[in-house]
């Protein structure tokens, strides 16, 4: 039987990515985006979160699958 669970969700999006992409070669854009996603994902994991989805130039992370709401919010704040 399904149960409700509290999570904290955090979306991180690269600002001005369209302008950044317009001024560079596609290979450079992929390299920069890869470094961005890797850095965000590392911060999320270090704060005990889970990078759930990668959406273009953004990352959706979830926190606190096994703890209460206050801890989830603190974890998301630490990652951000």
Protein backbone atom coordinates (compact mmCIF):
# COMPACT_ATOMS: atom_id res chain seq x y z
CA UNK A 1 0.00 0.00 0.00
CA UNK A 2 1.48 3.40 -0.98
CA UNK A 3 2.36 5.85 1.75
CA UNK A 4 3.07 9.56 1.69
CA UNK A 5 6.61 10.71 2.28
CA UNK A 6 8.10 14.18 2.69
CA UNK A 7 11.02 15.14 0.46
CA UNK A 8 12.82 18.37 -0.30
CA UNK A 9 13.36 18.97 -4.00
CA UNK A 10 15.98 21.32 -5.42
CA UNK A 11 16.31 22.43 -9.03
CA UNK A 12 19.59 23.98 -10.12
CA UNK A 13 19.70 25.67 -13.51
CA UNK A 14 22.67 27.24 -15.29
CA UNK A 15 22.01 30.94 -15.77
CA UNK A 16 22.49 32.53 -19.19
CA UNK A 17 23.27 29.14 -20.72
CA UNK A 18 21.74 30.16 -24.05
CA UNK A 19 24.09 33.14 -24.34
CA UNK A 20 26.99 30.95 -23.26
CA UNK A 21 26.13 28.33 -25.89
CA UNK A 22 25.75 30.88 -28.68
CA UNK A 23 29.30 32.11 -28.18
CA UNK A 24 31.04 28.71 -28.18
CA UNK A 25 31.52 25.60 -30.28
CA UNK A 26 29.21 22.64 -29.55
CA UNK A 27 32.09 20.57 -28.14
CA UNK A 28 32.94 23.35 -25.69
CA UNK A 29 29.30 23.60 -24.64
CA UNK A 30 29.12 19.88 -23.89
CA UNK A 31 32.35 20.09 -21.89
CA UNK A 32 31.12 23.07 -19.82
CA UNK A 33 27.73 21.46 -19.23
CA UNK A 34 29.38 18.21 -18.15
CA UNK A 35 31.55 20.04 -15.62
CA UNK A 36 28.52 21.96 -14.31
CA UNK A 37 26.43 18.80 -13.86
CA UNK A 38 29.36 16.98 -12.21
CA UNK A 39 29.92 19.81 -9.72
CA UNK A 40 26.23 20.05 -8.81
CA UNK A 41 25.89 16.28 -8.49
CA UNK A 42 28.95 16.08 -6.23
CA UNK A 43 27.52 18.77 -3.94
CA UNK A 44 24.17 16.97 -3.81
CA UNK A 45 25.77 13.63 -2.92
CA UNK A 46 27.98 15.27 -0.29
CA UNK A 47 24.83 16.70 1.33
CA UNK A 48 23.21 13.22 1.36
CA UNK A 49 20.91 13.90 -1.57
CA UNK A 50 20.20 12.17 -4.85
CA UNK A 51 20.51 13.73 -8.29
CA UNK A 52 17.24 12.49 -9.72
CA UNK A 53 17.00 14.02 -13.20
CA UNK A 54 19.21 15.94 -15.57
CA UNK A 55 17.14 18.36 -17.65
CA UNK A 56 19.25 20.03 -20.32
CA UNK A 57 21.26 22.57 -18.32
CA UNK A 58 19.55 21.77 -15.02
CA UNK A 59 19.60 19.18 -12.27
CA UNK A 60 16.68 18.02 -10.13
CA UNK A 61 17.85 16.72 -6.76
CA UNK A 62 15.84 15.16 -3.97
CA UNK A 63 16.71 15.02 -0.31
CA UNK A 64 15.65 13.08 2.74
CA UNK A 65 14.12 9.86 1.64
CA UNK A 66 14.70 8.47 5.14
CA UNK A 67 14.49 11.48 7.51
CA UNK A 68 12.23 14.31 8.65
CA UNK A 69 11.42 17.61 6.93
CA UNK A 70 13.89 19.80 8.86
CA UNK A 71 16.82 17.59 7.97
CA UNK A 72 15.74 17.43 4.31
CA UNK A 73 15.65 21.22 4.08
CA UNK A 74 19.06 21.51 5.74
CA UNK A 75 20.53 18.99 3.33
CA UNK A 76 19.16 20.87 0.31
CA UNK A 77 20.49 24.15 1.72
CA UNK A 78 23.94 22.62 2.24
CA UNK A 79 24.01 21.37 -1.36
CA UNK A 80 22.91 24.70 -2.81
